[in-house]
Structures are given as C-alpha cells and as structure tokens.
PDB file of N, CA and C in Angstrom:
ATOM      1  N   MET A   1     148.081 214.182 156.718  1.00  0.00           N
ATOM      2  CA  MET A   1     147.621 214.947 157.843  1.00  0.00           C
ATOM      3  C   MET A   1     148.529 214.683 159.030  1.00  0.00           C
ATOM      4  N   ALA A   2     148.407 215.513 159.993  1.00  0.00           N
ATOM      5  CA  ALA A   2     149.327 215.436 161.120  1.00  0.00           C
ATOM      6  C   ALA A   2     148.783 214.678 162.330  1.00  0.00           C
ATOM      7  N   LEU A   3     147.563 214.176 162.252  1.00  0.00           N
ATOM      8  CA  LEU A   3     147.018 213.481 163.409  1.00  0.00           C
ATOM      9  C   LEU A   3     147.664 212.120 163.573  1.00  0.00           C
ATOM     10  N   GLY A   4     147.816 211.741 164.827  1.00  0.00           N
ATOM     11  CA  GLY A   4     148.404 210.450 165.112  1.00  0.00           C
ATOM     12  C   GLY A   4     147.373 209.338 165.085  1.00  0.00           C
ATOM     13  N   HIS A   5     147.787 208.183 165.535  1.00  0.00           N
ATOM     14  CA  HIS A   5     146.915 207.023 165.473  1.00  0.00           C
ATOM     15  C   HIS A   5     146.420 206.600 166.844  1.00  0.00           C
ATOM     16  N   SER A   6     146.483 207.470 167.814  1.00  0.00           N
ATOM     17  CA  SER A   6     146.059 207.098 169.159  1.00  0.00           C
ATOM     18  C   SER A   6     144.537 207.002 169.243  1.00  0.00           C
ATOM     19  N   SER A   7     144.080 206.282 170.240  1.00  0.00           N
ATOM     20  CA  SER A   7     142.639 206.156 170.436  1.00  0.00           C
ATOM     21  C   SER A   7     142.024 207.505 170.808  1.00  0.00           C
ATOM     22  N   LEU A   8     142.798 208.377 171.442  1.00  0.00           N
ATOM     23  CA  LEU A   8     142.308 209.710 171.767  1.00  0.00           C
ATOM     24  C   LEU A   8     142.063 210.517 170.499  1.00  0.00           C
ATOM     25  N   ASP A   9     143.009 210.463 169.554  1.00  0.00           N
ATOM     26  CA  ASP A   9     142.818 211.180 168.287  1.00  0.00           C
ATOM     27  C   ASP A   9     141.540 210.706 167.597  1.00  0.00           C
ATOM     28  N   LYS A  10     141.339 209.392 167.545  1.00  0.00           N
ATOM     29  CA  LYS A  10     140.145 208.838 166.902  1.00  0.00           C
ATOM     30  C   LYS A  10     138.882 209.271 167.632  1.00  0.00           C
ATOM     31  N   ALA A  11     138.924 209.267 168.948  1.00  0.00           N
ATOM     32  CA  ALA A  11     137.754 209.658 169.731  1.00  0.00           C
ATOM     33  C   ALA A  11     137.389 211.123 169.480  1.00  0.00           C
ATOM     34  N   VAL A  12     138.380 211.978 169.429  1.00  0.00           N
ATOM     35  CA  VAL A  12     138.114 213.404 169.184  1.00  0.00           C
ATOM     36  C   VAL A  12     137.575 213.604 167.775  1.00  0.00           C
ATOM     37  N   LEU A  13     138.134 212.910 166.795  1.00  0.00           N
ATOM     38  CA  LEU A  13     137.650 213.045 165.423  1.00  0.00           C
ATOM     39  C   LEU A  13     136.194 212.610 165.298  1.00  0.00           C
ATOM     40  N   GLN A  14     135.803 211.604 166.041  1.00  0.00           N
ATOM     41  CA  GLN A  14     134.451 211.073 165.935  1.00  0.00           C
ATOM     42  C   GLN A  14     133.479 211.715 166.917  1.00  0.00           C
ATOM     43  N   SER A  15     133.953 212.667 167.680  1.00  0.00           N
ATOM     44  CA  SER A  15     133.120 213.327 168.687  1.00  0.00           C
ATOM     45  C   SER A  15     132.167 214.329 168.040  1.00  0.00           C
ATOM     46  N   PRO A  16     131.202 214.822 168.812  1.00  0.00           N
ATOM     47  CA  PRO A  16     130.305 215.872 168.300  1.00  0.00           C
ATOM     48  C   PRO A  16     131.099 217.111 167.868  1.00  0.00           C
ATOM     49  N   ASP A  17     130.498 217.881 166.999  1.00  0.00           N
ATOM     50  CA  ASP A  17     131.163 219.061 166.438  1.00  0.00           C
ATOM     51  C   ASP A  17     131.725 220.002 167.502  1.00  0.00           C
ATOM     52  N   ALA A  18     130.977 220.244 168.562  1.00  0.00           N
ATOM     53  CA  ALA A  18     131.430 221.184 169.593  1.00  0.00           C
ATOM     54  C   ALA A  18     132.727 220.716 170.248  1.00  0.00           C
ATOM     55  N   VAL A  19     132.863 219.427 170.470  1.00  0.00           N
ATOM     56  CA  VAL A  19     134.076 218.886 171.083  1.00  0.00           C
ATOM     57  C   VAL A  19     135.256 219.023 170.112  1.00  0.00           C
ATOM     58  N   ALA A  20     135.025 218.680 168.856  1.00  0.00           N
ATOM     59  CA  ALA A  20     136.096 218.777 167.856  1.00  0.00           C
ATOM     60  C   ALA A  20     136.533 220.228 167.667  1.00  0.00           C
ATOM     61  N   ARG A  21     135.581 221.149 167.643  1.00  0.00           N
ATOM     62  CA  ARG A  21     135.939 222.574 167.494  1.00  0.00           C
ATOM     63  C   ARG A  21     136.735 223.075 168.684  1.00  0.00           C
ATOM     64  N   ALA A  22     136.376 222.623 169.871  1.00  0.00           N
ATOM     65  CA  ALA A  22     137.134 223.010 171.068  1.00  0.00           C
ATOM     66  C   ALA A  22     138.567 222.487 170.972  1.00  0.00           C
ATOM     67  N   ALA A  23     138.734 221.266 170.506  1.00  0.00           N
ATOM     68  CA  ALA A  23     140.072 220.705 170.330  1.00  0.00           C
ATOM     69  C   ALA A  23     140.834 221.478 169.257  1.00  0.00           C
ATOM     70  N   ALA A  24     140.142 221.892 168.204  1.00  0.00           N
ATOM     71  CA  ALA A  24     140.780 222.655 167.124  1.00  0.00           C
ATOM     72  C   ALA A  24     141.344 223.972 167.638  1.00  0.00           C
ATOM     73  N   SER A  25     140.628 224.582 168.562  1.00  0.00           N
ATOM     74  CA  SER A  25     141.074 225.880 169.084  1.00  0.00           C
ATOM     75  C   SER A  25     142.320 225.755 169.954  1.00  0.00           C
ATOM     76  N   ARG A  26     142.662 224.534 170.335  1.00  0.00           N
ATOM     77  CA  ARG A  26     143.816 224.319 171.216  1.00  0.00           C
ATOM     78  C   ARG A  26     145.061 223.805 170.496  1.00  0.00           C
ATOM     79  N   THR A  27     144.977 223.671 169.184  1.00  0.00           N
ATOM     80  CA  THR A  27     146.156 223.204 168.451  1.00  0.00           C
ATOM     81  C   THR A  27     146.718 224.299 167.564  1.00  0.00           C
ATOM     82  N   GLN A  28     148.016 224.292 167.429  1.00  0.00           N
ATOM     83  CA  GLN A  28     148.683 225.259 166.555  1.00  0.00           C
ATOM     84  C   GLN A  28     148.898 224.695 165.154  1.00  0.00           C
ATOM     85  N   ASP A  29     148.743 223.387 165.008  1.00  0.00           N
ATOM     86  CA  ASP A  29     148.982 222.725 163.730  1.00  0.00           C
ATOM     87  C   ASP A  29     147.831 223.018 162.768  1.00  0.00           C
ATOM     88  N   PRO A  30     148.110 223.665 161.619  1.00  0.00           N
ATOM     89  CA  PRO A  30     147.030 224.044 160.703  1.00  0.00           C
ATOM     90  C   PRO A  30     146.269 222.854 160.123  1.00  0.00           C
ATOM     91  N   GLU A  31     146.939 221.742 159.881  1.00  0.00           N
ATOM     92  CA  GLU A  31     146.247 220.569 159.338  1.00  0.00           C
ATOM     93  C   GLU A  31     145.295 219.967 160.369  1.00  0.00           C
ATOM     94  N   LYS A  32     145.756 219.837 161.597  1.00  0.00           N
ATOM     95  CA  LYS A  32     144.898 219.318 162.657  1.00  0.00           C
ATOM     96  C   LYS A  32     143.698 220.242 162.867  1.00  0.00           C
ATOM     97  N   ARG A  33     143.977 221.546 162.927  1.00  0.00           N
ATOM     98  CA  ARG A  33     142.909 222.521 163.146  1.00  0.00           C
ATOM     99  C   ARG A  33     141.868 222.433 162.030  1.00  0.00           C
ATOM    100  N   TRP A  34     142.346 222.340 160.788  1.00  0.00           N
ATOM    101  CA  TRP A  34     141.434 222.238 159.646  1.00  0.00           C
ATOM    102  C   TRP A  34     140.561 220.988 159.759  1.00  0.00           C
ATOM    103  N   LEU A  35     141.181 219.845 160.001  1.00  0.00           N
ATOM    104  CA  LEU A  35     140.434 218.594 160.061  1.00  0.00           C
ATOM    105  C   LEU A  35     139.415 218.617 161.195  1.00  0.00           C
ATOM    106  N   LEU A  36     139.808 219.135 162.339  1.00  0.00           N
ATOM    107  CA  LEU A  36     138.901 219.177 163.480  1.00  0.00           C
ATOM    108  C   LEU A  36     137.738 220.138 163.268  1.00  0.00           C
ATOM    109  N   ARG A  37     137.850 221.049 162.332  1.00  0.00           N
ATOM    110  CA  ARG A  37     136.765 221.988 162.035  1.00  0.00           C
ATOM    111  C   ARG A  37     135.848 221.493 160.924  1.00  0.00           C
ATOM    112  N   GLN A  38     136.132 220.332 160.374  1.00  0.00           N
ATOM    113  CA  GLN A  38     135.289 219.778 159.324  1.00  0.00           C
ATOM    114  C   GLN A  38     134.044 219.139 159.919  1.00  0.00           C
ATOM    115  N   ALA A  39     133.071 218.878 159.063  1.00  0.00           N
ATOM    116  CA  ALA A  39     131.847 218.203 159.493  1.00  0.00           C
ATOM    117  C   ALA A  39     132.202 216.828 160.062  1.00  0.00           C
ATOM    118  N   ARG A  40     131.382 216.362 160.954  1.00  0.00           N
ATOM    119  CA  ARG A  40     131.639 215.078 161.610  1.00  0.00           C
ATOM    120  C   ARG A  40     131.813 213.943 160.595  1.00  0.00           C
ATOM    121  N   ALA A  41     131.042 213.957 159.522  1.00  0.00           N
ATOM    122  CA  ALA A  41     131.153 212.904 158.502  1.00  0.00           C
ATOM    123  C   ALA A  41     132.543 212.890 157.876  1.00  0.00           C
ATOM    124  N   VAL A  42     133.113 214.051 157.647  1.00  0.00           N
ATOM    125  CA  VAL A  42     134.461 214.145 157.071  1.00  0.00           C
ATOM    126  C   VAL A  42     135.484 213.636 158.078  1.00  0.00           C
ATOM    127  N   ARG A  43     135.362 214.068 159.324  1.00  0.00           N
ATOM    128  CA  ARG A  43     136.304 213.618 160.358  1.00  0.00           C
ATOM    129  C   ARG A  43     136.231 212.112 160.575  1.00  0.00           C
ATOM    130  N   THR A  44     135.020 211.586 160.606  1.00  0.00           N
ATOM    131  CA  THR A  44     134.836 210.147 160.797  1.00  0.00           C
ATOM    132  C   THR A  44     135.415 209.370 159.626  1.00  0.00           C
ATOM    133  N   SER A  45     135.232 209.886 158.437  1.00  0.00           N
ATOM    134  CA  SER A  45     135.802 209.254 157.250  1.00  0.00           C
ATOM    135  C   SER A  45     137.325 209.197 157.347  1.00  0.00           C
ATOM    136  N   TYR A  46     137.937 210.274 157.825  1.00  0.00           N
ATOM    137  CA  TYR A  46     139.392 210.294 157.993  1.00  0.00           C
ATOM    138  C   TYR A  46     139.821 209.243 159.027  1.00  0.00           C
ATOM    139  N   ALA A  47     139.114 209.178 160.136  1.00  0.00           N
ATOM    140  CA  ALA A  47     139.455 208.198 161.179  1.00  0.00           C
ATOM    141  C   ALA A  47     139.342 206.777 160.642  1.00  0.00           C
ATOM    142  N   ARG A  48     138.282 206.517 159.899  1.00  0.00           N
ATOM    143  CA  ARG A  48     138.042 205.177 159.372  1.00  0.00           C
ATOM    144  C   ARG A  48     139.039 204.799 158.278  1.00  0.00           C
ATOM    145  N   ASN A  49     139.277 205.711 157.346  1.00  0.00           N
ATOM    146  CA  ASN A  49     140.089 205.385 156.178  1.00  0.00           C
ATOM    147  C   ASN A  49     141.582 205.584 156.356  1.00  0.00           C
ATOM    148  N   VAL A  50     141.967 206.468 157.263  1.00  0.00           N
ATOM    149  CA  VAL A  50     143.400 206.742 157.445  1.00  0.00           C
ATOM    150  C   VAL A  50     143.898 206.147 158.761  1.00  0.00           C
ATOM    151  N   LEU A  51     143.279 206.511 159.859  1.00  0.00           N
ATOM    152  CA  LEU A  51     143.765 206.039 161.150  1.00  0.00           C
ATOM    153  C   LEU A  51     143.499 204.556 161.367  1.00  0.00           C
ATOM    154  N   ASP A  52     142.326 204.093 160.940  1.00  0.00           N
ATOM    155  CA  ASP A  52     141.994 202.680 161.098  1.00  0.00           C
ATOM    156  C   ASP A  52     142.333 201.871 159.852  1.00  0.00           C
ATOM    157  N   GLY A  53     142.900 202.526 158.855  1.00  0.00           N
ATOM    158  CA  GLY A  53     143.196 201.862 157.587  1.00  0.00           C
ATOM    159  C   GLY A  53     144.254 200.784 157.719  1.00  0.00           C
ATOM    160  N   SER A  54     144.592 200.235 156.609  1.00  0.00           N
ATOM    161  CA  SER A  54     145.524 199.110 156.568  1.00  0.00           C
ATOM    162  C   SER A  54     146.982 199.539 156.641  1.00  0.00           C
ATOM    163  N   GLY A  55     147.240 200.792 156.935  1.00  0.00           N
ATOM    164  CA  GLY A  55     148.617 201.269 156.966  1.00  0.00           C
ATOM    165  C   GLY A  55     149.160 201.508 155.573  1.00  0.00           C
ATOM    166  N   GLN A  56     148.271 201.691 154.641  1.00  0.00           N
ATOM    167  CA  GLN A  56     148.647 201.914 153.252  1.00  0.00           C
ATOM    168  C   GLN A  56     149.490 203.181 153.132  1.00  0.00           C
ATOM    169  N   PRO A  57     150.589 203.103 152.386  1.00  0.00           N
ATOM    170  CA  PRO A  57     151.392 204.314 152.182  1.00  0.00           C
ATOM    171  C   PRO A  57     150.535 205.416 151.545  1.00  0.00           C
ATOM    172  N   ASN A  58     150.737 206.619 151.982  1.00  0.00           N
ATOM    173  CA  ASN A  58     150.023 207.789 151.456  1.00  0.00           C
ATOM    174  C   ASN A  58     148.519 207.733 151.681  1.00  0.00           C
ATOM    175  N   ALA A  59     148.082 207.032 152.714  1.00  0.00           N
ATOM    176  CA  ALA A  59     146.645 206.892 152.980  1.00  0.00           C
ATOM    177  C   ALA A  59     145.975 208.255 153.145  1.00  0.00           C
ATOM    178  N   ASP A  60     146.659 209.191 153.783  1.00  0.00           N
ATOM    179  CA  ASP A  60     146.057 210.514 153.976  1.00  0.00           C
ATOM    180  C   ASP A  60     145.900 211.260 152.660  1.00  0.00           C
ATOM    181  N   GLU A  61     146.855 211.124 151.768  1.00  0.00           N
ATOM    182  CA  GLU A  61     146.756 211.776 150.459  1.00  0.00           C
ATOM    183  C   GLU A  61     145.641 211.151 149.621  1.00  0.00           C
ATOM    184  N   ILE A  62     145.548 209.828 149.661  1.00  0.00           N
ATOM    185  CA  ILE A  62     144.480 209.133 148.939  1.00  0.00           C
ATOM    186  C   ILE A  62     143.121 209.574 149.480  1.00  0.00           C
ATOM    187  N   TRP A  63     143.029 209.647 150.811  1.00  0.00           N
ATOM    188  CA  TRP A  63     141.778 210.088 151.430  1.00  0.00           C
ATOM    189  C   TRP A  63     141.400 211.479 150.934  1.00  0.00           C
ATOM    190  N   MET A  64     142.352 212.402 150.929  1.00  0.00           N
ATOM    191  CA  MET A  64     142.071 213.771 150.499  1.00  0.00           C
ATOM    192  C   MET A  64     141.599 213.813 149.050  1.00  0.00           C
ATOM    193  N   LEU A  65     142.245 213.057 148.179  1.00  0.00           N
ATOM    194  CA  LEU A  65     141.855 213.053 146.773  1.00  0.00           C
ATOM    195  C   LEU A  65     140.448 212.511 146.559  1.00  0.00           C
ATOM    196  N   ARG A  66     139.977 211.703 147.470  1.00  0.00           N
ATOM    197  CA  ARG A  66     138.638 211.132 147.355  1.00  0.00           C
ATOM    198  C   ARG A  66     137.551 212.020 147.956  1.00  0.00           C
ATOM    199  N   GLN A  67     137.930 213.128 148.553  1.00  0.00           N
ATOM    200  CA  GLN A  67     136.961 214.043 149.156  1.00  0.00           C
ATOM    201  C   GLN A  67     136.303 214.904 148.080  1.00  0.00           C
ATOM    202  N   SER A  68     135.210 215.514 148.456  1.00  0.00           N
ATOM    203  CA  SER A  68     134.502 216.389 147.524  1.00  0.00           C
ATOM    204  C   SER A  68     135.377 217.590 147.153  1.00  0.00           C
ATOM    205  N   LYS A  69     135.036 218.202 146.068  1.00  0.00           N
ATOM    206  CA  LYS A  69     135.769 219.383 145.615  1.00  0.00           C
ATOM    207  C   LYS A  69     135.736 220.475 146.689  1.00  0.00           C
ATOM    208  N   HIS A  70     134.602 220.617 147.333  1.00  0.00           N
ATOM    209  CA  HIS A  70     134.459 221.634 148.383  1.00  0.00           C
ATOM    210  C   HIS A  70     135.449 221.400 149.520  1.00  0.00           C
ATOM    211  N   VAL A  71     135.571 220.167 149.972  1.00  0.00           N
ATOM    212  CA  VAL A  71     136.496 219.835 151.063  1.00  0.00           C
ATOM    213  C   VAL A  71     137.934 220.079 150.622  1.00  0.00           C
ATOM    214  N   ARG A  72     138.292 219.630 149.441  1.00  0.00           N
ATOM    215  CA  ARG A  72     139.661 219.826 148.943  1.00  0.00           C
ATOM    216  C   ARG A  72     139.998 221.308 148.805  1.00  0.00           C
ATOM    217  N   GLU A  73     139.060 222.085 148.296  1.00  0.00           N
ATOM    218  CA  GLU A  73     139.312 223.516 148.117  1.00  0.00           C
ATOM    219  C   GLU A  73     139.435 224.241 149.451  1.00  0.00           C
ATOM    220  N   ARG A  74     138.659 223.828 150.438  1.00  0.00           N
ATOM    221  CA  ARG A  74     138.805 224.424 151.771  1.00  0.00           C
ATOM    222  C   ARG A  74     140.179 224.130 152.342  1.00  0.00           C
ATOM    223  N   TYR A  75     140.680 222.920 152.129  1.00  0.00           N
ATOM    224  CA  TYR A  75     142.027 222.555 152.598  1.00  0.00           C
ATOM    225  C   TYR A  75     143.068 223.446 151.927  1.00  0.00           C
ATOM    226  N   ILE A  76     142.953 223.610 150.629  1.00  0.00           N
ATOM    227  CA  ILE A  76     143.903 224.449 149.887  1.00  0.00           C
ATOM    228  C   ILE A  76     143.877 225.872 150.426  1.00  0.00           C
ATOM    229  N   ARG A  77     142.695 226.399 150.624  1.00  0.00           N
ATOM    230  CA  ARG A  77     142.540 227.781 151.076  1.00  0.00           C
ATOM    231  C   ARG A  77     142.964 227.968 152.533  1.00  0.00           C
ATOM    232  N   GLU A  78     142.509 227.078 153.405  1.00  0.00           N
ATOM    233  CA  GLU A  78     142.710 227.275 154.840  1.00  0.00           C
ATOM    234  C   GLU A  78     144.035 226.746 155.374  1.00  0.00           C
ATOM    235  N   VAL A  79     144.594 225.727 154.745  1.00  0.00           N
ATOM    236  CA  VAL A  79     145.851 225.149 155.242  1.00  0.00           C
ATOM    237  C   VAL A  79     147.033 225.615 154.397  1.00  0.00           C
ATOM    238  N   LEU A  80     146.868 225.539 153.106  1.00  0.00           N
ATOM    239  CA  LEU A  80     147.985 225.891 152.226  1.00  0.00           C
ATOM    240  C   LEU A  80     148.044 227.385 151.928  1.00  0.00           C
ATOM    241  N   GLY A  81     146.936 228.089 152.196  1.00  0.00           N
ATOM    242  CA  GLY A  81     146.907 229.538 152.003  1.00  0.00           C
ATOM    243  C   GLY A  81     146.908 229.963 150.561  1.00  0.00           C
ATOM    244  N   ALA A  82     146.408 229.098 149.697  1.00  0.00           N
ATOM    245  CA  ALA A  82     146.369 229.427 148.266  1.00  0.00           C
ATOM    246  C   ALA A  82     144.921 229.630 147.825  1.00  0.00           C
ATOM    247  N   ASP A  83     144.749 230.439 146.801  1.00  0.00           N
ATOM    248  CA  ASP A  83     143.411 230.638 146.233  1.00  0.00           C
ATOM    249  C   ASP A  83     143.076 229.457 145.345  1.00  0.00           C
ATOM    250  N   THR A  84     141.766 229.143 145.311  1.00  0.00           N
ATOM    251  CA  THR A  84     141.320 228.046 144.456  1.00  0.00           C
ATOM    252  C   THR A  84     140.734 228.575 143.183  1.00  0.00           C
TER     253      THR A  84
END
C-alpha cells in the first residue's frame, strides 16, 4: 500500500468512517483511496499490522493475503481494475 508510517496516517486510518472517507476524497492515489474507504476494522488492522508492524518485508502484501475474500476482491476490482 502507499500509506506512509507517520502518526497522521495512523490517526486517519483509525478515525471514524466519516473522517477516513473525507480523507479518501482528497487523495489521487487509488490504493490510499481504497484503504481509506474500507471499514474501520480493516483500516485499523492495516495500521496495526503494517504501519506498527515489525518492519517485516512485504508486510502490506502479507496483510492483504490475510484479509477476507470480499476485501481482496474489492481491492482487485477497485484498485487494479480487474474483474474477479
């Protein structure tokens, strides 16, 4: 994912849905926009496992693979522009 590791990024990811959606509308990056439009539980999971993680290589890819089929398919459809 394209989000950085700043405390602001983490705060926005963990914020209420309305705040995250407002932030999503202000970014041109499709990955950021997608993540910010996800349910708070998904965003918080990303912040905890990727941003606050141990710096593990490919942490974002590992996180994505561990998501539900619904979340992964939405990413494919909305970010990659492919049919599932």
